[in-house]
Amino acid sequence: MNAYIARICTSFIDVPGKIAVAVYFAGCSLRCKDCQNKELWDPHSGILMTLDTVDQQINAHQLADSVVFLGGEPTDQMPFLKTLCQKIRDKERVLYTGREFEELPPSLIEHLDMIICGPYRSDLHIDSWPASKNQRVFVKKGSLWKSQTT
């Protein structure tokens, strides 16, 4: 199983208060007007990587306690994203998506711990996290999802 991945790096800002491994997916069908990563809209802006390669690179970041999936749009490569989330068990799994929580399949959300959803909108920009008022944050508590007020 393969996916187009633009980069994998350490992040200190995508999961507040935590060190994360950021996996940037290449390709986006949503193409939000105010996207900060327009260069990742094209799937070929990334490198075709195997599931094992991505998993190995995530595991190489031993200080990270979270893995964050961003892009582009990670859900455009849903089979890969689901399988990768299932494989990761020792780190918090966080998804940034321009899609709404209600649009995400249960087979994905059951393997996530936090979801930041909704497109970034510059007209609703706020100087905090997440970056615009329309974006919602959901955190899993046990088996239940709770909306987190920011």
N, C-alpha and C. Protein backbone atom coordinates (compact mmCIF):
# COMPACT_ATOMS: atom_id res chain seq x y z
N MET A 1 0.84 -1.17 0.00
CA MET A 1 0.00 0.00 0.00
C MET A 1 0.89 1.24 0.00
N ASN A 2 0.54 2.22 -0.85
CA ASN A 2 1.35 3.42 -1.03
C ASN A 2 0.50 4.68 -0.92
N ALA A 3 1.18 5.80 -0.63
CA ALA A 3 0.53 7.12 -0.62
C ALA A 3 1.55 8.16 -1.03
N TYR A 4 1.06 9.27 -1.53
CA TYR A 4 1.92 10.40 -1.86
C TYR A 4 2.12 11.23 -0.59
N ILE A 5 3.36 11.29 -0.13
CA ILE A 5 3.73 12.00 1.09
C ILE A 5 4.69 13.12 0.71
N ALA A 6 4.38 14.35 1.15
CA ALA A 6 5.22 15.50 0.83
C ALA A 6 6.42 15.59 1.76
N ARG A 7 6.20 15.34 3.06
CA ARG A 7 7.31 15.36 4.01
C ARG A 7 6.86 14.76 5.34
N ILE A 8 7.86 14.32 6.09
CA ILE A 8 7.66 13.83 7.45
C ILE A 8 8.70 14.54 8.30
N CYS A 9 8.25 15.25 9.33
CA CYS A 9 9.17 16.05 10.13
C CYS A 9 8.66 16.17 11.57
N THR A 10 9.49 16.71 12.42
CA THR A 10 9.10 16.97 13.79
C THR A 10 8.34 18.28 13.85
N SER A 11 7.27 18.30 14.65
CA SER A 11 6.46 19.51 14.81
C SER A 11 6.30 19.84 16.29
N PHE A 12 6.45 21.11 16.60
CA PHE A 12 6.25 21.59 17.96
C PHE A 12 5.00 22.47 18.07
N ILE A 13 4.25 22.65 16.97
CA ILE A 13 3.12 23.56 16.97
C ILE A 13 1.77 22.94 16.61
N ASP A 14 1.76 21.80 15.97
CA ASP A 14 0.51 21.25 15.46
C ASP A 14 -0.36 20.57 16.51
N VAL A 15 0.24 20.09 17.58
CA VAL A 15 -0.50 19.52 18.70
C VAL A 15 -0.04 20.30 19.93
N PRO A 16 -0.85 21.25 20.38
CA PRO A 16 -0.42 22.14 21.46
C PRO A 16 0.14 21.39 22.68
N GLY A 17 1.33 21.84 23.09
CA GLY A 17 1.96 21.27 24.27
C GLY A 17 2.63 19.93 24.07
N LYS A 18 2.72 19.48 22.82
CA LYS A 18 3.29 18.16 22.55
C LYS A 18 4.27 18.20 21.39
N ILE A 19 5.20 17.25 21.43
CA ILE A 19 6.08 17.02 20.29
C ILE A 19 5.38 16.01 19.40
N ALA A 20 5.30 16.31 18.12
CA ALA A 20 4.61 15.42 17.19
C ALA A 20 5.47 15.12 15.98
N VAL A 21 5.19 14.01 15.36
CA VAL A 21 5.70 13.71 14.03
C VAL A 21 4.62 14.19 13.07
N ALA A 22 4.96 15.08 12.17
CA ALA A 22 4.00 15.60 11.20
C ALA A 22 4.18 14.85 9.88
N VAL A 23 3.10 14.25 9.40
CA VAL A 23 3.09 13.56 8.13
C VAL A 23 2.22 14.39 7.18
N TYR A 24 2.88 15.04 6.22
CA TYR A 24 2.19 15.89 5.26
C TYR A 24 1.83 15.07 4.03
N PHE A 25 0.53 14.87 3.82
CA PHE A 25 0.05 14.16 2.65
C PHE A 25 0.02 15.11 1.46
N ALA A 26 0.38 14.62 0.29
CA ALA A 26 0.33 15.41 -0.94
C ALA A 26 -0.99 15.13 -1.65
N GLY A 27 -1.53 16.17 -2.25
CA GLY A 27 -2.79 16.05 -2.97
C GLY A 27 -3.95 16.58 -2.15
N CYS A 28 -4.81 17.34 -2.82
CA CYS A 28 -6.00 17.86 -2.13
C CYS A 28 -7.10 18.12 -3.15
N SER A 29 -8.24 17.50 -2.94
CA SER A 29 -9.39 17.72 -3.81
C SER A 29 -10.26 18.88 -3.30
N LEU A 30 -10.04 19.34 -2.07
CA LEU A 30 -10.87 20.40 -1.48
C LEU A 30 -10.46 21.79 -1.97
N ARG A 31 -9.16 22.04 -2.04
CA ARG A 31 -8.60 23.28 -2.56
C ARG A 31 -9.25 24.53 -1.95
N CYS A 32 -9.20 24.60 -0.65
CA CYS A 32 -9.78 25.73 0.09
C CYS A 32 -9.11 27.04 -0.31
N LYS A 33 -9.89 28.08 -0.45
CA LYS A 33 -9.43 29.39 -0.90
C LYS A 33 -8.23 29.89 -0.10
N ASP A 34 -8.26 29.76 1.20
CA ASP A 34 -7.23 30.33 2.06
C ASP A 34 -6.18 29.31 2.52
N CYS A 35 -6.02 28.25 1.80
CA CYS A 35 -5.09 27.18 2.19
C CYS A 35 -3.67 27.71 2.35
N GLN A 36 -3.00 27.28 3.42
CA GLN A 36 -1.61 27.69 3.63
C GLN A 36 -0.63 26.77 2.91
N ASN A 37 -1.10 25.65 2.40
CA ASN A 37 -0.21 24.68 1.75
C ASN A 37 -0.66 24.39 0.31
N LYS A 38 -0.93 25.42 -0.46
CA LYS A 38 -1.40 25.23 -1.84
C LYS A 38 -0.41 24.43 -2.68
N GLU A 39 0.87 24.49 -2.31
CA GLU A 39 1.88 23.72 -3.06
C GLU A 39 1.67 22.21 -2.91
N LEU A 40 0.84 21.80 -1.96
CA LEU A 40 0.58 20.37 -1.75
C LEU A 40 -0.71 19.90 -2.41
N TRP A 41 -1.40 20.76 -3.14
CA TRP A 41 -2.63 20.35 -3.81
C TRP A 41 -2.38 19.25 -4.83
N ASP A 42 -1.27 19.29 -5.52
CA ASP A 42 -0.94 18.29 -6.54
C ASP A 42 -0.39 17.04 -5.85
N PRO A 43 -1.00 15.88 -6.08
CA PRO A 43 -0.49 14.65 -5.45
C PRO A 43 0.98 14.39 -5.76
N HIS A 44 1.41 14.83 -6.95
CA HIS A 44 2.79 14.58 -7.36
C HIS A 44 3.78 15.56 -6.74
N SER A 45 3.28 16.42 -5.83
CA SER A 45 4.19 17.27 -5.06
C SER A 45 4.87 16.45 -3.96
N GLY A 46 4.40 15.23 -3.80
CA GLY A 46 4.99 14.32 -2.82
C GLY A 46 5.69 13.16 -3.49
N ILE A 47 6.18 12.29 -2.65
CA ILE A 47 6.88 11.08 -3.10
C ILE A 47 5.98 9.89 -2.76
N LEU A 48 5.85 8.97 -3.69
CA LEU A 48 5.08 7.76 -3.43
C LEU A 48 5.84 6.90 -2.43
N MET A 49 5.25 6.70 -1.25
CA MET A 49 5.92 5.96 -0.17
C MET A 49 5.06 4.77 0.24
N THR A 50 5.74 3.72 0.69
CA THR A 50 5.03 2.55 1.19
C THR A 50 4.59 2.79 2.64
N LEU A 51 3.63 2.03 3.06
CA LEU A 51 3.16 2.09 4.44
C LEU A 51 4.30 1.80 5.42
N ASP A 52 5.09 0.81 5.12
CA ASP A 52 6.21 0.45 6.00
C ASP A 52 7.24 1.57 6.10
N THR A 53 7.52 2.25 5.00
CA THR A 53 8.47 3.36 5.02
C THR A 53 7.97 4.49 5.90
N VAL A 54 6.71 4.86 5.74
CA VAL A 54 6.13 5.93 6.56
C VAL A 54 6.14 5.52 8.03
N ASP A 55 5.74 4.30 8.31
CA ASP A 55 5.72 3.80 9.69
C ASP A 55 7.13 3.83 10.30
N GLN A 56 8.13 3.43 9.55
CA GLN A 56 9.52 3.46 10.04
C GLN A 56 9.96 4.88 10.34
N GLN A 57 9.60 5.81 9.47
CA GLN A 57 10.00 7.21 9.69
C GLN A 57 9.29 7.80 10.91
N ILE A 58 8.05 7.42 11.13
CA ILE A 58 7.33 7.86 12.34
C ILE A 58 8.03 7.31 13.58
N ASN A 59 8.36 6.05 13.56
CA ASN A 59 9.00 5.42 14.72
C ASN A 59 10.41 5.94 14.98
N ALA A 60 11.04 6.53 13.98
CA ALA A 60 12.38 7.09 14.16
C ALA A 60 12.36 8.35 15.04
N HIS A 61 11.20 8.96 15.19
CA HIS A 61 11.03 10.15 16.04
C HIS A 61 10.67 9.70 17.45
N GLN A 62 11.65 9.25 18.19
CA GLN A 62 11.40 8.63 19.49
C GLN A 62 10.90 9.59 20.55
N LEU A 63 11.18 10.88 20.44
CA LEU A 63 10.72 11.83 21.45
C LEU A 63 9.28 12.28 21.24
N ALA A 64 8.73 12.02 20.07
CA ALA A 64 7.36 12.44 19.77
C ALA A 64 6.36 11.53 20.46
N ASP A 65 5.34 12.16 21.05
CA ASP A 65 4.28 11.36 21.65
C ASP A 65 2.98 11.44 20.84
N SER A 66 3.03 12.17 19.71
CA SER A 66 1.87 12.29 18.82
C SER A 66 2.32 12.17 17.37
N VAL A 67 1.37 11.76 16.54
CA VAL A 67 1.55 11.80 15.09
C VAL A 67 0.41 12.64 14.55
N VAL A 68 0.74 13.63 13.73
CA VAL A 68 -0.29 14.50 13.17
C VAL A 68 -0.29 14.34 11.65
N PHE A 69 -1.48 14.17 11.10
CA PHE A 69 -1.67 13.99 9.67
C PHE A 69 -2.23 15.29 9.10
N LEU A 70 -1.51 15.89 8.14
CA LEU A 70 -1.89 17.17 7.54
C LEU A 70 -1.69 17.08 6.04
N GLY A 71 -1.83 18.20 5.40
CA GLY A 71 -1.59 18.16 3.98
C GLY A 71 -1.61 19.54 3.37
N GLY A 72 -1.96 19.46 2.13
CA GLY A 72 -2.84 18.64 1.34
C GLY A 72 -4.05 18.24 2.19
N GLU A 73 -4.66 17.16 1.75
CA GLU A 73 -5.83 16.61 2.46
C GLU A 73 -5.59 15.12 2.69
N PRO A 74 -5.27 14.73 3.94
CA PRO A 74 -4.98 13.33 4.24
C PRO A 74 -6.12 12.38 3.87
N THR A 75 -7.37 12.84 3.99
CA THR A 75 -8.49 11.93 3.73
C THR A 75 -8.68 11.63 2.25
N ASP A 76 -7.98 12.34 1.37
CA ASP A 76 -8.03 12.00 -0.05
C ASP A 76 -7.32 10.66 -0.33
N GLN A 77 -6.50 10.22 0.60
CA GLN A 77 -5.81 8.93 0.48
C GLN A 77 -6.29 8.04 1.64
N MET A 78 -7.60 7.92 1.72
CA MET A 78 -8.27 7.28 2.85
C MET A 78 -7.80 5.87 3.17
N PRO A 79 -7.69 4.95 2.21
CA PRO A 79 -7.27 3.59 2.59
C PRO A 79 -5.90 3.58 3.28
N PHE A 80 -4.97 4.37 2.77
CA PHE A 80 -3.64 4.45 3.37
C PHE A 80 -3.73 5.06 4.77
N LEU A 81 -4.46 6.18 4.90
CA LEU A 81 -4.60 6.86 6.19
C LEU A 81 -5.21 5.93 7.23
N LYS A 82 -6.28 5.23 6.88
CA LYS A 82 -6.92 4.30 7.83
C LYS A 82 -5.93 3.22 8.28
N THR A 83 -5.24 2.62 7.34
CA THR A 83 -4.32 1.53 7.67
C THR A 83 -3.17 2.04 8.53
N LEU A 84 -2.64 3.22 8.22
CA LEU A 84 -1.56 3.80 9.02
C LEU A 84 -2.04 4.09 10.44
N CYS A 85 -3.23 4.66 10.58
CA CYS A 85 -3.77 4.94 11.91
C CYS A 85 -3.96 3.66 12.73
N GLN A 86 -4.38 2.60 12.08
CA GLN A 86 -4.54 1.31 12.77
C GLN A 86 -3.20 0.76 13.25
N LYS A 87 -2.17 1.01 12.47
CA LYS A 87 -0.85 0.48 12.77
C LYS A 87 -0.18 1.21 13.95
N ILE A 88 -0.47 2.49 14.11
CA ILE A 88 0.15 3.30 15.17
C ILE A 88 -0.63 3.08 16.46
N ARG A 89 0.04 2.58 17.48
CA ARG A 89 -0.63 2.29 18.74
C ARG A 89 0.01 2.98 19.94
N ASP A 90 1.24 3.43 19.79
CA ASP A 90 1.96 3.98 20.94
C ASP A 90 2.07 5.50 20.92
N LYS A 91 1.35 6.16 19.99
CA LYS A 91 1.37 7.61 19.91
C LYS A 91 -0.06 8.11 19.69
N GLU A 92 -0.32 9.30 20.20
CA GLU A 92 -1.60 9.95 19.94
C GLU A 92 -1.70 10.22 18.44
N ARG A 93 -2.87 9.96 17.84
CA ARG A 93 -3.08 10.16 16.41
C ARG A 93 -4.02 11.34 16.19
N VAL A 94 -3.52 12.34 15.46
CA VAL A 94 -4.22 13.61 15.29
C VAL A 94 -4.40 13.88 13.79
N LEU A 95 -5.60 14.29 13.41
CA LEU A 95 -5.90 14.59 12.01
C LEU A 95 -6.33 16.03 11.84
N TYR A 96 -5.70 16.73 10.90
CA TYR A 96 -6.18 18.02 10.41
C TYR A 96 -6.85 17.75 9.07
N THR A 97 -8.09 18.19 8.93
CA THR A 97 -8.81 17.97 7.68
C THR A 97 -9.71 19.16 7.38
N GLY A 98 -9.85 19.47 6.11
CA GLY A 98 -10.80 20.50 5.68
C GLY A 98 -12.22 19.99 5.68
N ARG A 99 -12.39 18.70 5.84
CA ARG A 99 -13.72 18.10 5.90
C ARG A 99 -14.28 18.27 7.31
N GLU A 100 -15.58 18.14 7.43
CA GLU A 100 -16.23 18.24 8.74
C GLU A 100 -16.24 16.87 9.42
N PHE A 101 -16.27 16.89 10.74
CA PHE A 101 -16.26 15.68 11.55
C PHE A 101 -17.35 14.70 11.08
N GLU A 102 -18.53 15.23 10.80
CA GLU A 102 -19.68 14.39 10.43
C GLU A 102 -19.49 13.69 9.08
N GLU A 103 -18.56 14.16 8.26
CA GLU A 103 -18.29 13.55 6.96
C GLU A 103 -17.31 12.39 7.04
N LEU A 104 -16.59 12.28 8.15
CA LEU A 104 -15.53 11.28 8.26
C LEU A 104 -16.12 9.91 8.58
N PRO A 105 -15.60 8.86 7.96
CA PRO A 105 -16.15 7.53 8.21
C PRO A 105 -15.76 7.01 9.60
N PRO A 106 -16.68 6.32 10.25
CA PRO A 106 -16.39 5.73 11.57
C PRO A 106 -15.16 4.84 11.56
N SER A 107 -14.90 4.18 10.44
CA SER A 107 -13.73 3.30 10.34
C SER A 107 -12.42 4.07 10.41
N LEU A 108 -12.45 5.38 10.20
CA LEU A 108 -11.27 6.22 10.40
C LEU A 108 -11.25 6.79 11.81
N ILE A 109 -12.36 7.40 12.22
CA ILE A 109 -12.34 8.11 13.51
C ILE A 109 -12.13 7.18 14.69
N GLU A 110 -12.46 5.92 14.55
CA GLU A 110 -12.22 4.99 15.66
C GLU A 110 -10.73 4.80 15.94
N HIS A 111 -9.88 5.16 14.97
CA HIS A 111 -8.42 4.99 15.13
C HIS A 111 -7.71 6.34 15.28
N LEU A 112 -8.46 7.38 15.65
CA LEU A 112 -7.87 8.69 15.89
C LEU A 112 -8.13 9.10 17.34
N ASP A 113 -7.35 10.07 17.82
CA ASP A 113 -7.50 10.57 19.18
C ASP A 113 -7.92 12.04 19.21
N MET A 114 -7.62 12.77 18.14
CA MET A 114 -8.01 14.18 18.04
C MET A 114 -8.22 14.51 16.57
N ILE A 115 -9.23 15.35 16.32
CA ILE A 115 -9.52 15.78 14.95
C ILE A 115 -9.73 17.29 14.97
N ILE A 116 -9.02 17.99 14.10
CA ILE A 116 -9.21 19.41 13.87
C ILE A 116 -9.82 19.50 12.48
N CYS A 117 -11.07 19.95 12.40
CA CYS A 117 -11.78 19.86 11.13
C CYS A 117 -12.34 21.20 10.69
N GLY A 118 -12.56 21.29 9.39
CA GLY A 118 -13.07 22.50 8.76
C GLY A 118 -11.95 23.24 8.06
N PRO A 119 -12.27 23.90 6.95
CA PRO A 119 -11.24 24.62 6.21
C PRO A 119 -10.80 25.88 6.95
N TYR A 120 -9.53 26.23 6.78
CA TYR A 120 -9.07 27.52 7.31
C TYR A 120 -9.71 28.62 6.49
N ARG A 121 -10.22 29.64 7.18
CA ARG A 121 -10.82 30.80 6.51
C ARG A 121 -10.17 32.06 7.05
N SER A 122 -9.53 32.82 6.17
CA SER A 122 -8.84 34.03 6.60
C SER A 122 -9.81 35.08 7.16
N ASP A 123 -11.06 35.10 6.67
CA ASP A 123 -12.04 36.06 7.19
C ASP A 123 -12.47 35.73 8.61
N LEU A 124 -12.17 34.52 9.08
CA LEU A 124 -12.50 34.10 10.44
C LEU A 124 -11.24 33.83 11.26
N HIS A 125 -10.11 34.35 10.82
CA HIS A 125 -8.83 34.12 11.48
C HIS A 125 -8.86 34.61 12.93
N ILE A 126 -8.25 33.81 13.81
CA ILE A 126 -8.06 34.20 15.20
C ILE A 126 -6.60 33.94 15.55
N ASP A 127 -6.08 34.66 16.49
CA ASP A 127 -4.68 34.51 16.89
C ASP A 127 -4.54 33.47 17.98
N SER A 128 -5.06 32.30 17.71
CA SER A 128 -4.93 31.18 18.65
C SER A 128 -5.06 29.89 17.87
N TRP A 129 -5.28 28.84 18.57
CA TRP A 129 -5.38 27.53 17.93
C TRP A 129 -6.78 26.99 18.14
N PRO A 130 -7.43 26.44 17.12
CA PRO A 130 -7.01 26.44 15.72
C PRO A 130 -7.09 27.85 15.13
N ALA A 131 -6.70 27.96 13.89
CA ALA A 131 -6.43 29.28 13.31
C ALA A 131 -7.66 30.07 12.85
N SER A 132 -8.81 29.43 12.69
CA SER A 132 -10.00 30.19 12.32
C SER A 132 -11.22 29.69 13.09
N LYS A 133 -12.16 30.61 13.35
CA LYS A 133 -13.31 30.34 14.23
C LYS A 133 -14.18 29.18 13.76
N ASN A 134 -14.23 28.93 12.47
CA ASN A 134 -15.08 27.86 11.96
C ASN A 134 -14.49 26.46 12.20
N GLN A 135 -13.20 26.38 12.49
CA GLN A 135 -12.58 25.08 12.69
C GLN A 135 -12.96 24.55 14.07
N ARG A 136 -13.25 23.25 14.11
CA ARG A 136 -13.65 22.61 15.36
C ARG A 136 -12.61 21.59 15.77
N VAL A 137 -12.48 21.39 17.07
CA VAL A 137 -11.54 20.42 17.62
C VAL A 137 -12.36 19.37 18.38
N PHE A 138 -12.12 18.11 18.04
CA PHE A 138 -12.76 17.00 18.73
C PHE A 138 -11.68 16.15 19.37
N VAL A 139 -11.90 15.77 20.62
CA VAL A 139 -10.95 14.94 21.37
C VAL A 139 -11.69 13.71 21.86
N LYS A 140 -11.05 12.55 21.71
CA LYS A 140 -11.65 11.30 22.16
C LYS A 140 -11.36 11.13 23.65
N LYS A 141 -12.41 10.91 24.42
CA LYS A 141 -12.32 10.60 25.85
C LYS A 141 -12.89 9.20 26.03
N GLY A 142 -12.00 8.23 26.25
CA GLY A 142 -12.45 6.84 26.26
C GLY A 142 -12.87 6.47 24.85
N SER A 143 -14.14 6.12 24.68
CA SER A 143 -14.64 5.80 23.35
C SER A 143 -15.57 6.89 22.82
N LEU A 144 -15.72 7.98 23.57
CA LEU A 144 -16.62 9.06 23.18
C LEU A 144 -15.84 10.27 22.66
N TRP A 145 -16.42 10.94 21.68
CA TRP A 145 -15.82 12.16 21.14
C TRP A 145 -16.47 13.37 21.78
N LYS A 146 -15.64 14.32 22.21
CA LYS A 146 -16.12 15.55 22.83
C LYS A 146 -15.59 16.73 22.01
N SER A 147 -16.48 17.70 21.78
CA SER A 147 -16.06 18.92 21.13
C SER A 147 -15.31 19.75 22.17
N GLN A 148 -14.14 20.22 21.79
CA GLN A 148 -13.30 21.00 22.70
C GLN A 148 -13.48 22.47 22.34
N THR A 149 -13.88 23.26 23.29
CA THR A 149 -14.02 24.69 23.06
C THR A 149 -12.65 25.34 23.20
N THR A 150 -12.31 26.19 22.23
CA THR A 150 -11.00 26.85 22.28
C THR A 150 -11.16 28.28 22.73
